Amino acid sequence: MTLKADWEIVGAPVDPDSDERLFFTEHGWETIEAAAARIIPTDRDPGAREARVIVFLDRYLSGSDYIFAAADGSGFLKLTGKFADAWRARMADMQQTYRDGIKRLDEIAGSEFGKQFKELGESEQDHVLEILSGAPKPAPVTLGTSEAVGTFLQGVFDEGLPFFDALCLHVRQGFYCDPVYGGNKDQIGWKVIGFPGPKSLKDTMDGTYSTTEYFVQEYDWHELVPYLREQVGD
């Protein structure tokens, strides 16, 4: 989707400390916040709860007002016409996915433990998520160890995803997004992975923030391109 530069800018950056609910009910908010906290748990580092991922999720699911941040981070682009209609239709499906998912979490929690999901302990919540996902809980990953860590490309598009997959994707997005969207409070997600991100989106526009220092300044193409490296050896 291509957005016109002259689209109206409305609102302001999302307040990560806000408890105002635009989409979730109180029960839904507490349930999803608890689930998010098990997907990116709090350990020696802050997790989804501290990064206020729930605020990102609530605003994302609320409609079309918090989708495209303005380039300078001052607010959000106002969607109108066919763009707004298309987004609202897409969000209607995802909103229902979340409503059904919250019910399913409570159904499993009730069947297994006789309580609602948000009332369970962490290990019990993990058990419910295992049943929901159909897969065992992933083992912890510690960077910098001698153990091999597998990587794979992770999608960024949520249309058509089942609840658990959508939730995991959205929790990652809320944890690592630019803080303008409400998650990643105080750049918690960036600090956890050692990413020195910009203080604001505006800094990426006026040259205040730059990644130049992280690029290799002097290099030999023969060292970087395998084909050229092979030619040198001939």
Protein backbone atom coordinates (compact mmCIF):
# COMPACT_ATOMS: atom_id res chain seq x y z
CA MET A 1 0.00 0.00 0.00
CA THR A 2 1.42 3.38 -1.01
CA LEU A 3 0.54 6.28 1.26
CA LYS A 4 0.41 9.86 0.02
CA ALA A 5 2.73 12.31 1.72
CA ASP A 6 -0.09 14.83 2.08
CA TRP A 7 -2.40 12.60 4.11
CA GLU A 8 -3.72 14.22 7.27
CA ILE A 9 -1.81 13.53 10.47
CA VAL A 10 -3.96 12.96 13.54
CA GLY A 11 -3.51 11.98 17.15
CA ALA A 12 -0.18 11.66 18.92
CA PRO A 13 2.29 8.92 19.84
CA VAL A 14 0.59 6.28 21.98
CA ASP A 15 1.10 6.63 25.72
CA PRO A 16 2.52 3.26 26.87
CA ASP A 17 1.31 3.87 30.43
CA SER A 18 -2.29 4.29 29.36
CA ASP A 19 -4.85 1.86 30.75
CA GLU A 20 -7.58 3.13 28.45
CA ARG A 21 -9.07 0.22 26.51
CA LEU A 22 -10.09 0.94 22.91
CA PHE A 23 -10.71 -2.66 21.84
CA PHE A 24 -10.32 -5.09 24.72
CA THR A 25 -12.76 -5.53 27.55
CA GLU A 26 -11.17 -5.49 30.99
CA HIS A 27 -11.17 -9.28 31.02
CA GLY A 28 -9.73 -9.48 27.50
CA TRP A 29 -7.00 -6.98 28.36
CA GLU A 30 -5.92 -8.92 31.46
CA THR A 31 -6.09 -12.28 29.66
CA ILE A 32 -4.03 -11.20 26.66
CA GLU A 33 -1.54 -9.35 28.85
CA ALA A 34 -1.03 -12.55 30.83
CA ALA A 35 -0.59 -14.62 27.66
CA ALA A 36 1.86 -12.08 26.20
CA ALA A 37 3.86 -12.24 29.41
CA ARG A 38 4.37 -15.98 28.85
CA ILE A 39 5.41 -15.53 25.22
CA ILE A 40 8.10 -12.99 26.17
CA PRO A 41 8.44 -13.62 29.90
CA THR A 42 10.18 -11.50 32.48
CA ASP A 43 13.44 -13.12 33.58
CA ARG A 44 16.78 -11.39 34.01
CA ASP A 45 15.50 -9.00 31.36
CA PRO A 46 12.14 -7.20 31.16
CA GLY A 47 9.44 -8.91 29.16
CA ALA A 48 6.22 -8.15 27.34
CA ARG A 49 4.48 -6.90 30.47
CA GLU A 50 7.13 -4.26 31.21
CA ALA A 51 7.31 -3.24 27.54
CA ARG A 52 3.53 -2.61 27.60
CA VAL A 53 2.88 -4.87 24.66
CA ILE A 54 -0.78 -4.95 25.68
CA VAL A 55 -1.13 -1.24 24.81
CA PHE A 56 0.32 -1.85 21.35
CA LEU A 57 -2.08 -4.75 20.84
CA ASP A 58 -5.13 -2.81 22.00
CA ARG A 59 -4.40 0.13 19.72
CA TYR A 60 -3.56 -2.08 16.75
CA LEU A 61 -6.81 -4.00 17.08
CA SER A 62 -8.92 -0.90 17.75
CA GLY A 63 -9.45 0.11 14.12
CA SER A 64 -7.56 2.35 11.72
CA ASP A 65 -6.31 5.22 13.90
CA TYR A 66 -2.97 3.75 15.01
CA ILE A 67 -1.67 1.93 11.95
CA PHE A 68 0.76 4.13 10.04
CA ALA A 69 2.93 6.46 12.12
CA ALA A 70 3.85 9.76 10.52
CA ALA A 71 7.47 9.90 9.38
CA ASP A 72 8.38 12.42 12.08
CA GLY A 73 6.66 10.44 14.83
CA SER A 74 4.25 13.28 15.65
CA GLY A 75 1.09 11.22 15.14
CA PHE A 76 -0.56 8.84 12.71
CA LEU A 77 -1.75 9.07 9.14
CA LYS A 78 -5.52 9.24 8.90
CA LEU A 79 -6.88 6.50 6.66
CA THR A 80 -9.91 7.48 4.58
CA GLY A 81 -11.98 6.11 1.74
CA LYS A 82 -11.10 2.71 0.33
CA PHE A 83 -7.95 2.48 2.45
CA ALA A 84 -9.95 2.83 5.66
CA ASP A 85 -12.68 0.46 4.44
CA ALA A 86 -10.15 -2.22 3.55
CA TRP A 87 -8.38 -1.91 6.89
CA ARG A 88 -11.58 -2.01 8.92
CA ALA A 89 -12.68 -5.16 7.10
CA ARG A 90 -9.35 -6.80 7.80
CA MET A 91 -9.41 -5.76 11.45
CA ALA A 92 -12.96 -7.06 11.89
CA ASP A 93 -11.66 -10.54 11.13
CA MET A 94 -8.68 -10.18 13.47
CA GLN A 95 -10.85 -8.77 16.25
CA GLN A 96 -13.07 -11.85 16.04
CA THR A 97 -9.99 -14.06 16.06
CA TYR A 98 -8.96 -12.47 19.35
CA ARG A 99 -12.43 -12.70 20.88
CA ASP A 100 -12.59 -16.38 20.01
CA GLY A 101 -9.02 -16.88 21.22
CA ILE A 102 -9.73 -15.37 24.62
CA LYS A 103 -12.73 -17.66 25.01
CA ARG A 104 -10.62 -20.65 24.00
CA LEU A 105 -7.91 -19.79 26.54
CA ASP A 106 -10.52 -19.73 29.28
CA GLU A 107 -12.14 -22.94 28.05
CA ILE A 108 -8.85 -24.83 28.21
CA ALA A 109 -7.92 -23.24 31.55
CA GLY A 110 -11.32 -24.16 32.96
CA SER A 111 -11.12 -27.73 31.69
CA GLU A 112 -7.58 -28.27 32.98
CA PHE A 113 -7.55 -26.25 36.20
CA GLY A 114 -11.07 -24.97 36.91
CA LYS A 115 -10.04 -21.31 36.61
CA GLN A 116 -9.85 -18.54 34.04
CA PHE A 117 -6.55 -18.24 32.18
CA LYS A 118 -5.56 -14.97 33.84
CA GLU A 119 -5.99 -16.54 37.29
CA LEU A 120 -3.50 -19.34 36.66
CA GLY A 121 0.12 -19.55 37.72
CA GLU A 122 2.85 -19.22 35.11
CA SER A 123 3.47 -22.95 34.69
CA GLU A 124 -0.26 -23.57 34.37
CA GLN A 125 -0.57 -20.82 31.77
CA ASP A 126 2.30 -22.38 29.85
CA HIS A 127 0.43 -25.68 29.88
CA VAL A 128 -2.68 -24.04 28.46
CA LEU A 129 -0.63 -22.38 25.71
CA GLU A 130 0.93 -25.73 24.85
CA ILE A 131 -2.51 -27.24 24.41
CA LEU A 132 -3.68 -24.25 22.39
CA SER A 133 -0.63 -24.27 20.10
CA GLY A 134 -0.34 -28.04 19.82
CA ALA A 135 3.40 -27.79 20.45
CA PRO A 136 5.66 -28.01 23.52
CA LYS A 137 6.95 -24.87 25.20
CA PRO A 138 10.17 -23.71 23.47
CA ALA A 139 13.37 -24.08 25.45
CA PRO A 140 15.11 -20.88 26.59
CA VAL A 141 17.63 -19.42 24.15
CA THR A 142 20.78 -17.82 25.55
CA LEU A 143 22.84 -15.82 23.11
CA GLY A 144 26.59 -16.12 23.36
CA THR A 145 26.66 -19.80 24.35
CA SER A 146 28.42 -22.53 22.42
CA GLU A 147 25.11 -24.15 21.56
CA ALA A 148 23.88 -23.68 18.01
CA VAL A 149 20.80 -21.51 17.68
CA GLY A 150 18.60 -22.11 14.67
CA THR A 151 17.10 -19.11 12.90
CA PHE A 152 14.33 -18.75 10.38
CA LEU A 153 12.44 -16.03 8.61
CA GLN A 154 9.45 -14.83 10.59
CA GLY A 155 6.44 -13.43 8.79
CA VAL A 156 5.13 -9.94 9.40
CA PHE A 157 1.67 -10.32 7.85
CA ASP A 158 -1.14 -11.53 10.10
CA GLU A 159 -4.09 -11.90 7.72
CA GLY A 160 -5.61 -15.36 8.00
CA LEU A 161 -3.42 -16.47 10.91
CA PRO A 162 -4.97 -18.57 13.67
CA PHE A 163 -5.15 -16.98 17.11
CA PHE A 164 -1.97 -18.37 18.68
CA ASP A 165 0.19 -17.60 15.66
CA ALA A 166 -1.27 -14.09 15.39
CA LEU A 167 -0.74 -13.48 19.11
CA CYS A 168 2.92 -14.56 18.95
CA LEU A 169 3.51 -12.32 15.94
CA HIS A 170 1.80 -9.34 17.55
CA VAL A 171 3.67 -9.79 20.82
CA ARG A 172 6.99 -9.71 18.96
CA GLN A 173 5.87 -6.64 17.04
CA GLY A 174 4.76 -4.88 20.23
CA PHE A 175 8.01 -5.71 22.00
CA TYR A 176 10.32 -4.50 19.23
CA CYS A 177 8.22 -1.80 17.50
CA ASP A 178 9.05 1.86 17.52
CA PRO A 179 7.68 3.23 20.83
CA VAL A 180 5.36 5.58 18.92
CA TYR A 181 2.99 2.59 18.58
CA GLY A 182 2.64 2.12 22.35
CA GLY A 183 4.79 -0.96 22.92
CA ASN A 184 8.53 -1.14 23.56
CA LYS A 185 8.15 1.28 26.46
CA ASP A 186 11.42 3.13 27.18
CA GLN A 187 12.90 1.12 24.30
CA ILE A 188 12.94 -1.96 26.53
CA GLY A 189 12.83 -4.37 23.61
CA TRP A 190 15.72 -2.66 21.86
CA LYS A 191 17.81 -2.56 25.03
CA VAL A 192 17.33 -6.29 25.58
CA ILE A 193 18.94 -7.06 22.21
CA GLY A 194 21.47 -4.21 22.38
CA PHE A 195 19.96 -2.14 19.57
CA PRO A 196 20.74 1.59 20.00
CA GLY A 197 17.65 2.82 18.21
CA PRO A 198 16.60 6.42 17.63
CA LYS A 199 15.02 8.40 20.43
CA SER A 200 12.17 9.23 18.07
CA LEU A 201 11.20 8.70 14.45
CA LYS A 202 12.03 12.37 13.85
CA ASP A 203 15.68 11.56 14.53
CA THR A 204 15.69 9.21 11.54
CA MET A 205 14.45 12.02 9.28
CA ASP A 206 16.74 14.91 10.21
CA GLY A 207 20.00 12.98 10.43
CA THR A 208 20.21 13.03 14.23
CA TYR A 209 20.22 9.23 14.25
CA SER A 210 22.59 7.32 11.99
CA THR A 211 23.84 3.74 11.73
CA THR A 212 26.96 4.75 9.80
CA GLU A 213 29.30 3.78 12.62
CA TYR A 214 28.09 0.19 12.45
CA PHE A 215 29.07 -0.25 8.80
CA VAL A 216 32.48 -1.48 7.72
CA GLN A 217 34.21 1.62 6.41
CA GLU A 218 37.14 0.01 4.64
CA TYR A 219 36.81 -3.22 2.74
CA ASP A 220 38.02 -5.12 -0.28
CA TRP A 221 35.32 -6.37 -2.65
CA HIS A 222 37.42 -9.48 -3.23
CA GLU A 223 36.93 -10.35 0.44
CA LEU A 224 33.17 -9.77 0.38
CA VAL A 225 32.17 -11.43 -2.89
CA PRO A 226 32.93 -15.19 -3.12
CA TYR A 227 33.21 -15.07 -6.93
CA LEU A 228 35.87 -12.36 -6.84
CA ARG A 229 37.68 -14.11 -3.98
CA GLU A 230 37.93 -17.23 -6.12
CA GLN A 231 39.37 -15.24 -9.01
CA VAL A 232 42.16 -13.94 -6.80
CA GLY A 233 43.09 -17.48 -5.91
CA ASP A 234 43.37 -18.54 -9.58
